Amino acid sequence: MKFETLGLNKALLEAIAMTGYTDPTDVQMRAIPEVLAGSDVLVSAQTGSGKTAAFMLPALQLLAEPHKVAPSDKGAGPRVLVLTPTRELAMQVTKATETYGRKMKRVRTVSIVGGMPYPLQNRLLKMGVDILVATPGRLLDQMQSGRVDLSRVQMLVFDEADRMLDMGFKDDIDAVVAKVPADRQTLLFSATLDNNITAMAGNMMKNPVRIDVSGHKTRHENIEQRLLYADDLSHKNRLLDHLLRDTEIQQAIVFTSTKRAADDLALDLINQGHAAAALHGDMKQAARTRTLENLKRGRLRVLVATDVAARGIDVQGISHVINFDLPRQAEDYVHRIGRTGRAGRSGIAISLANVRENFQVKLIERFTTQMIPVITIDGLEPKQKVFDRKPPGKTFNRKGPPRSNSNAGGNAGAWSKDGDKRSSFSKSSFGKPAFSKSSPSKPGFFGKALPAPAPKSDAPGGWKKASSFAAK
């Protein structure tokens, strides 16, 4: 199927052709016709699946027609409102909107997010806006100040709705929805459609069409996943330094569990000679924007980030994702590794785990229904014994039948962070990475694989490797 078959207008098709993409992704093929038909849609789609284009292309087509309101009712408020959980994701959606709408006559897109100066936002809003992309908290502030009028909204979009609920935006969302016309069209995109999401949808959507695309069991076939065990934090530091000295790494995102850990680790890496920087929610917007710009321009090779700050990062040069700290929730593992292997490219995701975190590793494997191969690096093997691991879904109770995996994606609960003080060490302690001939991986990815049962071959999912809109 081609974009020409989806019912998009000529201006949008020309803009799409300029990006070099010809084939829509699964979420675009299924969602765009429903949105163009005027239906509310409830979509389960992972990051990197092309969901931004799935809602923004129909939104732009909506703007190609005049607003059907009386002349006296016309105002400067937006006709399309997109809510996102983070500043970075809002910026990504804004950039994509400008890309897809480049052939349209006049579409004003404004982004209002926390950390951005109010005077600048006030000037942008005063000039009028067609598409407003916002984080819930800052939008509510501007609404309460009387600077945002939502009475003209025809389409309301929730991007990564599950993350907004996780971040505590439920009350803000309710306050925003109360000010939007009841006859609007509502689009809700989420990585998972759990009870909280379906309850939220039931309160604000009209007979939505449900679309499940690339759920959490997607196998990320273009992302090579590996697991390294570490004895303690000092051992983990040495493993990370060794990994980052691999010449095959173009750019890498290293995930930590806390903002302080991101700052400390970035400073350690800088002292070791790596071109690194931290990214987290306590940074001012100007600093975050500057860091991301340096990453996109190739001035940074390593970005150390927390989960929230990394939402919306779309840099095609990211060849590796390294989980220095395992995510607290299994769902976040999928979002993290989705930062690499974008737009049909291949990527490598490496997780560093303490033996005591084996339970969290199992939760991730059960959630993704994939076994993560364990490797070791010559000279940096763990001294602690790693217990035998079974394929996901093969865990049994002592009394007999297999346990249910229905709640595998919940909060780990037993997750713990190594409390050892971070150690420092000199560059001269580490040489060029030693590559093992026994490694089954690509050239340049070091380590020897430990025996592990093969993952089940009948698991659903699988991302398209052909040209797609995933990067957008």
Protein backbone atom coordinates (compact mmCIF):
# COMPACT_ATOMS: atom_id res chain seq x y z
CA MET A 1 0.00 0.00 0.00
CA LYS A 2 1.18 3.52 -0.85
CA PHE A 3 0.35 6.86 0.77
CA GLU A 4 -1.64 7.77 -2.34
CA THR A 5 -4.26 5.16 -1.37
CA LEU A 6 -4.93 6.63 2.09
CA GLY A 7 -6.99 9.61 0.94
CA LEU A 8 -4.47 12.36 1.71
CA ASN A 9 -4.50 15.56 -0.34
CA LYS A 10 -1.91 16.59 -2.92
CA ALA A 11 -0.02 19.03 -0.68
CA LEU A 12 0.55 16.37 1.97
CA LEU A 13 1.60 13.75 -0.57
CA GLU A 14 4.16 16.16 -2.00
CA ALA A 15 5.56 16.83 1.47
CA ILE A 16 5.75 13.09 2.19
CA ALA A 17 7.56 12.50 -1.11
CA MET A 18 10.15 15.12 -0.11
CA THR A 19 10.98 13.09 2.99
CA GLY A 20 11.83 10.08 0.82
CA TYR A 21 9.19 7.74 2.24
CA THR A 22 6.77 5.88 0.00
CA ASP A 23 5.25 3.11 2.15
CA PRO A 24 3.16 3.86 5.26
CA THR A 25 3.74 1.87 8.44
CA ASP A 26 1.09 -0.41 9.91
CA VAL A 27 -0.22 2.21 12.33
CA GLN A 28 -0.46 4.78 9.53
CA MET A 29 -2.27 2.37 7.17
CA ARG A 30 -4.86 1.52 9.80
CA ALA A 31 -5.31 4.82 11.62
CA ILE A 32 -5.22 7.49 8.88
CA PRO A 33 -8.34 6.32 6.97
CA GLU A 34 -10.33 6.07 10.22
CA VAL A 35 -9.27 9.56 11.32
CA LEU A 36 -10.05 11.04 7.90
CA ALA A 37 -13.51 9.45 8.17
CA GLY A 38 -14.09 11.42 11.37
CA SER A 39 -13.92 8.54 13.87
CA ASP A 40 -12.48 8.73 17.34
CA VAL A 41 -9.56 6.30 17.49
CA LEU A 42 -7.92 4.48 20.39
CA VAL A 43 -4.50 3.27 19.23
CA SER A 44 -1.92 1.04 20.86
CA ALA A 45 1.41 1.78 19.17
CA GLN A 46 5.01 1.77 20.33
CA THR A 47 7.54 4.53 19.95
CA GLY A 48 9.19 4.42 16.53
CA SER A 49 6.11 2.95 14.85
CA GLY A 50 5.27 6.13 12.92
CA LYS A 51 2.38 7.24 15.13
CA THR A 52 3.19 10.95 14.86
CA ALA A 53 2.39 10.92 11.15
CA ALA A 54 -0.67 8.75 11.85
CA PHE A 55 -2.37 11.64 13.65
CA MET A 56 -0.61 14.69 12.24
CA LEU A 57 -1.26 14.02 8.54
CA PRO A 58 -5.07 13.84 9.07
CA ALA A 59 -4.85 16.88 11.36
CA LEU A 60 -3.17 18.90 8.62
CA GLN A 61 -5.75 17.75 6.10
CA LEU A 62 -8.45 19.00 8.47
CA LEU A 63 -6.85 22.45 8.37
CA ALA A 64 -6.96 22.51 4.58
CA GLU A 65 -10.69 23.21 4.88
CA PRO A 66 -12.13 26.37 6.51
CA HIS A 67 -13.52 26.04 10.02
CA LYS A 68 -17.29 25.53 9.88
CA VAL A 69 -18.23 28.24 12.39
CA ALA A 70 -20.15 31.46 12.11
CA PRO A 71 -17.99 34.54 11.35
CA SER A 72 -18.80 36.00 14.76
CA ASP A 73 -17.46 32.87 16.45
CA LYS A 74 -14.07 32.94 14.78
CA GLY A 75 -11.15 33.45 17.13
CA ALA A 76 -7.42 32.95 17.45
CA GLY A 77 -7.60 29.64 19.30
CA PRO A 78 -6.24 26.37 17.88
CA ARG A 79 -8.27 23.96 15.76
CA VAL A 80 -5.98 21.05 16.66
CA LEU A 81 -4.65 20.42 20.17
CA VAL A 82 -1.93 17.81 20.80
CA LEU A 83 -1.03 16.91 24.40
CA THR A 84 2.32 15.22 25.10
CA PRO A 85 3.94 14.14 28.39
CA THR A 86 7.35 15.80 27.87
CA ARG A 87 9.00 18.83 26.33
CA GLU A 88 11.16 16.74 24.02
CA LEU A 89 8.20 14.87 22.58
CA ALA A 90 6.33 18.16 22.09
CA MET A 91 9.30 19.53 20.15
CA GLN A 92 9.45 16.37 18.02
CA VAL A 93 5.74 16.61 17.17
CA THR A 94 6.13 20.30 16.32
CA LYS A 95 9.04 19.59 13.99
CA ALA A 96 7.13 16.77 12.29
CA THR A 97 4.15 19.09 11.81
CA GLU A 98 6.33 21.65 10.07
CA THR A 99 7.79 18.93 7.84
CA TYR A 100 4.46 17.48 6.75
CA GLY A 101 2.82 20.88 6.35
CA ARG A 102 5.56 22.53 4.31
CA LYS A 103 3.45 22.52 1.13
CA MET A 104 0.35 23.98 2.76
CA LYS A 105 -0.38 27.69 2.45
CA ARG A 106 -0.39 28.81 6.06
CA VAL A 107 -0.41 26.62 9.14
CA ARG A 108 0.75 28.18 12.39
CA THR A 109 2.07 25.62 14.87
CA VAL A 110 2.96 26.70 18.41
CA SER A 111 4.52 24.60 21.16
CA ILE A 112 4.07 25.60 24.80
CA VAL A 113 5.97 23.53 27.35
CA GLY A 114 7.37 23.87 30.82
CA GLY A 115 10.78 25.49 31.05
CA MET A 116 10.10 27.81 28.11
CA PRO A 117 9.92 31.54 28.99
CA TYR A 118 6.36 32.80 29.42
CA PRO A 119 6.90 36.09 27.52
CA LEU A 120 7.96 34.21 24.38
CA GLN A 121 5.01 31.83 24.64
CA ASN A 122 2.64 34.74 25.21
CA ARG A 123 3.83 36.47 22.03
CA LEU A 124 3.42 33.28 19.98
CA LEU A 125 -0.09 32.68 21.29
CA LYS A 126 -1.12 36.27 20.67
CA MET A 127 -0.23 35.92 16.98
CA GLY A 128 -2.79 33.14 16.54
CA VAL A 129 -2.34 29.37 16.25
CA ASP A 130 -3.81 26.54 14.17
CA ILE A 131 -2.07 23.59 15.86
CA LEU A 132 -1.13 23.82 19.52
CA VAL A 133 1.31 21.21 20.89
CA ALA A 134 1.58 21.35 24.67
CA THR A 135 2.41 19.60 27.91
CA PRO A 136 -0.62 19.50 30.23
CA GLY A 137 0.79 21.54 33.11
CA ARG A 138 1.98 24.52 31.08
CA LEU A 139 -1.18 24.49 28.95
CA LEU A 140 -3.34 24.68 32.08
CA ASP A 141 -1.27 27.62 33.35
CA GLN A 142 -1.84 29.50 30.10
CA MET A 143 -5.55 28.65 30.10
CA GLN A 144 -5.96 29.97 33.63
CA SER A 145 -4.20 33.16 32.56
CA GLY A 146 -6.74 33.62 29.77
CA ARG A 147 -4.15 33.33 26.97
CA VAL A 148 -5.44 30.09 25.44
CA ASP A 149 -8.96 29.68 24.09
CA LEU A 150 -9.91 26.08 23.28
CA SER A 151 -13.42 26.79 22.01
CA ARG A 152 -12.38 26.22 18.35
CA VAL A 153 -10.71 22.83 18.86
CA GLN A 154 -11.94 20.28 16.33
CA MET A 155 -9.36 17.56 16.99
CA LEU A 156 -7.87 16.61 20.36
CA VAL A 157 -4.85 14.27 20.33
CA PHE A 158 -3.23 12.49 23.27
CA ASP A 159 0.28 11.29 22.42
CA GLU A 160 1.73 8.69 24.83
CA ALA A 161 -1.33 8.91 27.07
CA ASP A 162 -0.03 6.14 29.33
CA ARG A 163 3.03 8.20 30.19
CA MET A 164 0.91 11.26 30.99
CA LEU A 165 -1.07 9.22 33.50
CA ASP A 166 2.13 7.78 34.98
CA MET A 167 3.45 11.33 35.46
CA GLY A 168 0.34 12.39 37.39
CA PHE A 169 -1.33 14.57 34.74
CA LYS A 170 -4.82 13.04 35.18
CA ASP A 171 -6.35 16.12 36.88
CA ASP A 172 -4.72 18.50 34.39
CA ILE A 173 -6.06 16.43 31.50
CA ASP A 174 -9.58 16.50 32.94
CA ALA A 175 -9.39 20.29 33.32
CA VAL A 176 -8.26 20.70 29.70
CA VAL A 177 -10.90 18.34 28.29
CA ALA A 178 -13.63 20.26 30.14
CA LYS A 179 -12.79 23.35 28.05
CA VAL A 180 -12.75 21.60 24.65
CA PRO A 181 -15.98 21.41 22.57
CA ALA A 182 -17.94 18.20 23.11
CA ASP A 183 -18.33 17.62 19.36
CA ARG A 184 -14.57 17.39 18.78
CA GLN A 185 -12.77 14.37 17.33
CA THR A 186 -10.51 12.62 19.87
CA LEU A 187 -7.43 10.53 19.06
CA LEU A 188 -5.64 8.66 21.85
CA PHE A 189 -2.27 6.97 21.28
CA SER A 190 -0.71 4.82 24.00
CA ALA A 191 1.95 2.11 24.24
CA THR A 192 -0.49 -0.05 26.21
CA LEU A 193 -4.26 -0.07 26.55
CA ASP A 194 -4.61 -1.03 30.20
CA ASN A 195 -7.58 -0.38 32.48
CA ASN A 196 -6.52 3.18 33.27
CA ILE A 197 -6.29 4.09 29.59
CA THR A 198 -9.59 2.45 28.65
CA ALA A 199 -11.30 4.20 31.57
CA MET A 200 -9.86 7.52 30.42
CA ALA A 201 -11.01 6.84 26.87
CA GLY A 202 -14.51 5.91 28.02
CA ASN A 203 -14.96 9.29 29.68
CA MET A 204 -13.92 11.42 26.71
CA MET A 205 -14.36 9.45 23.46
CA LYS A 206 -17.42 8.55 21.37
CA ASN A 207 -17.50 4.92 20.16
CA PRO A 208 -13.77 4.89 19.38
CA VAL A 209 -12.28 2.56 16.80
CA ARG A 210 -9.69 0.47 18.60
CA ILE A 211 -6.45 -0.21 16.73
CA ASP A 212 -3.76 -2.48 18.19
CA VAL A 213 -0.46 -2.13 16.36
CA SER A 214 3.01 -3.24 17.45
CA GLY A 215 2.11 -4.03 21.02
CA HIS A 216 4.62 -4.61 23.80
CA LYS A 217 5.42 -8.06 22.42
CA THR A 218 7.03 -6.57 19.31
CA ARG A 219 10.31 -8.38 18.84
CA HIS A 220 12.41 -5.44 17.68
CA GLU A 221 13.97 -7.65 15.05
CA ASN A 222 16.26 -4.83 13.91
CA ILE A 223 17.58 -4.29 17.45
CA GLU A 224 20.17 -6.72 18.81
CA GLN A 225 19.66 -7.13 22.55
CA ARG A 226 22.35 -8.23 25.00
CA LEU A 227 22.67 -8.59 28.78
CA LEU A 228 25.84 -8.18 30.85
CA TYR A 229 25.97 -9.06 34.55
CA ALA A 230 28.02 -6.93 36.97
CA ASP A 231 29.14 -7.72 40.51
CA ASP A 232 28.84 -4.16 41.82
CA LEU A 233 28.81 -0.54 40.71
CA SER A 234 32.58 -0.42 40.22
CA HIS A 235 32.39 -3.45 37.92
CA LYS A 236 29.48 -1.85 36.07
CA ASN A 237 31.54 1.32 35.53
CA ARG A 238 34.37 -0.70 34.02
CA LEU A 239 31.98 -2.54 31.73
CA LEU A 240 30.46 0.72 30.53
CA ASP A 241 33.84 2.29 29.82
CA HIS A 242 34.86 -0.79 27.84
CA LEU A 243 31.61 -0.76 25.85
CA LEU A 244 31.89 2.91 24.96
CA ARG A 245 35.40 2.46 23.59
CA ASP A 246 34.05 0.25 20.82
CA THR A 247 34.69 2.03 17.53
CA GLU A 248 31.44 0.62 16.12
CA ILE A 249 29.42 2.91 18.40
CA GLN A 250 28.34 5.99 16.49
CA GLN A 251 26.26 7.56 19.24
CA ALA A 252 24.80 6.02 22.37
CA ILE A 253 22.16 6.83 24.95
CA VAL A 254 22.98 5.56 28.44
CA PHE A 255 19.96 5.33 30.74
CA THR A 256 20.09 5.89 34.50
CA SER A 257 17.30 5.66 37.04
CA THR A 258 17.75 9.09 38.70
CA LYS A 259 18.69 12.64 37.75
CA ARG A 260 21.63 12.69 40.15
CA ALA A 261 22.95 9.42 38.74
CA ALA A 262 22.76 10.93 35.23
CA ASP A 263 24.82 13.95 36.30
CA ASP A 264 27.39 11.85 38.18
CA LEU A 265 27.80 9.31 35.39
CA ALA A 266 28.09 11.99 32.69
CA LEU A 267 30.83 13.71 34.69
CA ASP A 268 32.68 10.39 35.14
CA LEU A 269 32.50 9.72 31.40
CA ILE A 270 33.77 13.21 30.56
CA ASN A 271 36.70 12.68 32.92
CA GLN A 272 37.45 9.42 31.10
CA GLY A 273 37.65 11.26 27.80
CA HIS A 274 34.20 10.57 26.36
CA ALA A 275 32.20 13.30 24.62
CA ALA A 276 29.25 13.01 26.98
CA ALA A 277 26.48 15.09 28.54
CA ALA A 278 23.51 14.55 30.84
CA LEU A 279 19.82 15.13 30.08
CA HIS A 280 17.13 15.14 32.77
CA GLY A 281 14.05 16.99 33.97
CA ASP A 282 15.81 19.35 36.40
CA MET A 283 17.72 21.04 33.57
CA LYS A 284 16.45 24.34 32.20
CA GLN A 285 14.81 24.18 28.80
CA ALA A 286 17.61 26.13 27.12
CA ALA A 287 20.19 23.65 28.42
CA ARG A 288 18.10 20.66 27.33
CA THR A 289 17.58 22.12 23.87
CA ARG A 290 21.30 22.86 23.53
CA THR A 291 22.22 19.31 24.61
CA LEU A 292 19.84 17.72 22.11
CA GLU A 293 21.09 19.99 19.35
CA ASN A 294 24.68 18.96 20.11
CA LEU A 295 23.58 15.33 19.96
CA LYS A 296 21.87 15.78 16.58
CA ARG A 297 24.89 17.62 15.16
CA GLY A 298 27.23 14.83 16.25
CA ARG A 299 29.07 16.91 18.83
CA LEU A 300 28.07 14.44 21.54
CA ARG A 301 28.80 10.73 21.31
CA VAL A 302 27.21 9.71 24.60
CA LEU A 303 23.99 11.06 26.13
CA VAL A 304 23.27 10.04 29.73
CA ALA A 305 19.54 10.41 30.31
CA THR A 306 16.62 9.55 32.55
CA ASP A 307 13.46 7.95 31.17
CA VAL A 308 11.33 11.10 31.21
CA ALA A 309 13.95 13.27 29.53
CA ALA A 310 14.54 10.73 26.78
CA ARG A 311 10.89 10.64 25.67
CA GLY A 312 10.63 11.99 22.16
CA ILE A 313 14.33 11.82 21.29
CA ASP A 314 14.53 10.92 17.60
CA VAL A 315 18.17 10.95 16.49
CA GLN A 316 18.92 8.54 13.66
CA GLY A 317 22.61 8.38 14.59
CA ILE A 318 21.85 6.51 17.83
CA SER A 319 23.45 3.12 17.17
CA HIS A 320 23.43 1.85 20.76
CA VAL A 321 21.25 2.08 23.85
CA ILE A 322 22.84 1.05 27.15
CA ASN A 323 20.77 0.50 30.29
CA PHE A 324 23.25 1.40 33.01
CA ASP A 325 20.35 1.08 35.45
CA LEU A 326 17.50 -1.26 34.62
CA PRO A 327 14.12 0.47 34.24
CA ARG A 328 11.73 0.30 37.18
CA GLN A 329 8.87 -0.71 34.92
CA ALA A 330 9.13 -3.33 32.20
CA GLU A 331 7.25 -1.10 29.74
CA ASP A 332 10.04 1.47 29.92
CA TYR A 333 12.52 -1.09 28.59
CA VAL A 334 10.63 -1.12 25.29
CA HIS A 335 10.63 2.68 25.11
CA ARG A 336 14.34 2.85 25.91
CA ILE A 337 15.58 0.40 23.31
CA GLY A 338 13.27 2.03 20.76
CA ARG A 339 15.64 5.03 20.73
CA THR A 340 17.89 3.00 18.42
CA GLY A 341 17.12 1.01 15.30
CA ARG A 342 14.83 3.72 13.95
CA ALA A 343 13.59 4.22 10.39
CA GLY A 344 14.56 0.69 9.35
CA ARG A 345 18.12 0.96 10.67
CA SER A 346 19.72 -1.66 12.90
CA GLY A 347 20.67 -1.00 16.49
CA ILE A 348 22.12 -2.63 19.60
CA ALA A 349 20.63 -2.51 23.10
CA ILE A 350 22.81 -3.57 26.04
CA SER A 351 21.59 -3.90 29.63
CA LEU A 352 23.90 -3.98 32.65
CA ALA A 353 22.40 -5.85 35.59
CA ASN A 354 23.45 -6.90 39.05
CA VAL A 355 22.78 -10.52 39.95
CA ARG A 356 20.33 -9.25 42.58
CA GLU A 357 18.32 -7.67 39.75
CA ASN A 358 17.65 -11.00 38.06
CA PHE A 359 13.98 -10.74 39.03
CA GLN A 360 13.65 -7.47 37.12
CA VAL A 361 15.34 -9.06 34.10
CA LYS A 362 12.73 -11.82 34.20
CA LEU A 363 9.91 -9.25 34.31
CA ILE A 364 11.28 -7.55 31.20
CA GLU A 365 11.62 -10.86 29.37
CA ARG A 366 8.09 -11.91 30.31
CA PHE A 367 6.71 -8.54 29.21
CA THR A 368 8.44 -8.69 25.81
CA THR A 369 8.20 -12.52 25.53
CA GLN A 370 11.85 -12.50 24.51
CA MET A 371 14.95 -14.01 26.07
CA ILE A 372 17.81 -11.49 26.28
CA PRO A 373 21.08 -13.28 25.44
CA VAL A 374 23.72 -13.04 28.16
CA ILE A 375 27.29 -12.21 27.13
CA THR A 376 30.58 -11.70 28.93
CA ILE A 377 33.64 -9.62 28.08
CA ASP A 378 37.05 -11.26 28.34
CA GLY A 379 38.74 -10.08 31.53
CA LEU A 380 35.55 -8.47 32.89
CA GLU A 381 33.49 -11.57 33.68
CA PRO A 382 31.29 -11.43 36.80
CA LYS A 383 32.60 -13.27 39.84
CA GLN A 384 29.15 -13.89 41.23
CA LYS A 385 27.25 -16.88 39.92
CA VAL A 386 24.46 -16.14 37.46
CA PHE A 387 21.51 -18.43 38.02
CA ASP A 388 20.09 -20.43 35.13
CA ARG A 389 17.39 -18.50 33.30
CA LYS A 390 14.34 -19.99 31.64
CA PRO A 391 12.57 -18.70 28.55
CA PRO A 392 9.72 -16.24 29.30
CA GLY A 393 6.44 -17.95 29.98
CA LYS A 394 8.16 -21.12 31.25
CA THR A 395 8.08 -20.25 34.97
CA PHE A 396 6.15 -22.71 37.16
CA ASN A 397 4.65 -22.60 40.63
CA ARG A 398 5.91 -25.21 43.07
CA LYS A 399 2.54 -26.97 43.01
CA GLY A 400 2.10 -27.38 39.32
CA PRO A 401 0.48 -25.31 36.57
CA PRO A 402 2.22 -22.41 34.85
CA ARG A 403 1.74 -19.01 36.39
CA SER A 404 -0.23 -16.41 34.47
CA ASN A 405 1.80 -13.75 32.70
CA SER A 406 -1.11 -11.33 32.44
CA ASN A 407 0.37 -8.86 34.89
CA ALA A 408 3.96 -9.17 33.77
CA GLY A 409 4.12 -5.59 32.66
CA GLY A 410 3.38 -4.07 36.05
CA ASN A 411 5.71 -2.30 38.43
CA ALA A 412 8.56 -4.54 39.40
CA GLY A 413 8.24 -3.74 43.10
CA ALA A 414 11.39 -5.69 43.93
CA TRP A 415 13.61 -3.42 41.85
CA SER A 416 16.64 -2.17 43.77
CA LYS A 417 19.53 0.12 42.96
CA ASP A 418 23.09 -0.72 43.93
CA GLY A 419 24.03 1.66 46.70
CA ASP A 420 27.78 1.51 46.25
CA LYS A 421 29.57 4.80 45.86
CA ARG A 422 30.59 5.50 42.27
CA SER A 423 34.26 4.82 41.74
CA SER A 424 36.60 6.73 39.47
CA PHE A 425 39.35 5.28 37.37
CA SER A 426 41.81 6.42 34.74
CA LYS A 427 41.61 5.97 30.99
CA SER A 428 44.93 4.18 30.94
CA SER A 429 43.41 1.20 32.77
CA PHE A 430 41.50 0.20 29.68
CA GLY A 431 42.73 -0.62 26.25
CA LYS A 432 41.03 -1.25 22.98
CA PRO A 433 38.05 -3.62 23.30
CA ALA A 434 38.93 -7.27 22.85
CA PHE A 435 36.63 -8.97 20.40
CA SER A 436 35.78 -12.61 20.92
CA LYS A 437 35.69 -14.88 17.89
CA SER A 438 32.88 -16.80 19.54
CA SER A 439 30.56 -13.79 19.50
CA PRO A 440 27.47 -14.38 17.38
CA SER A 441 26.95 -10.66 17.01
CA LYS A 442 27.75 -8.18 14.32
CA PRO A 443 31.32 -7.10 13.66
CA GLY A 444 32.40 -4.66 16.32
CA PHE A 445 30.09 -5.97 19.03
CA PHE A 446 32.28 -7.68 21.53
CA GLY A 447 31.71 -10.43 24.04
CA LYS A 448 31.07 -14.13 24.01
CA ALA A 449 27.54 -15.37 24.31
CA LEU A 450 26.50 -17.66 27.14
CA PRO A 451 24.15 -20.52 26.29
CA ALA A 452 20.52 -19.47 26.44
CA PRO A 453 17.32 -21.12 25.25
CA ALA A 454 16.01 -19.74 21.97
CA PRO A 455 12.97 -17.45 22.22
CA LYS A 456 9.60 -18.80 21.16
CA SER A 457 9.18 -18.48 17.41
CA ASP A 458 5.41 -18.08 17.45
CA ALA A 459 5.31 -14.80 19.35
CA PRO A 460 3.29 -12.10 17.62
CA GLY A 461 4.64 -8.86 16.30
CA GLY A 462 7.57 -7.73 14.24
CA TRP A 463 8.47 -4.29 12.93
CA LYS A 464 8.65 -3.47 9.26
CA LYS A 465 12.19 -3.19 8.02
CA ALA A 466 11.19 -1.53 4.77
CA SER A 467 11.17 2.21 4.37
CA SER A 468 8.68 3.69 6.80
CA PHE A 469 7.65 6.79 8.68
CA ALA A 470 9.02 5.46 11.92
CA ALA A 471 11.59 8.20 12.36
CA LYS A 472 8.95 10.86 12.25
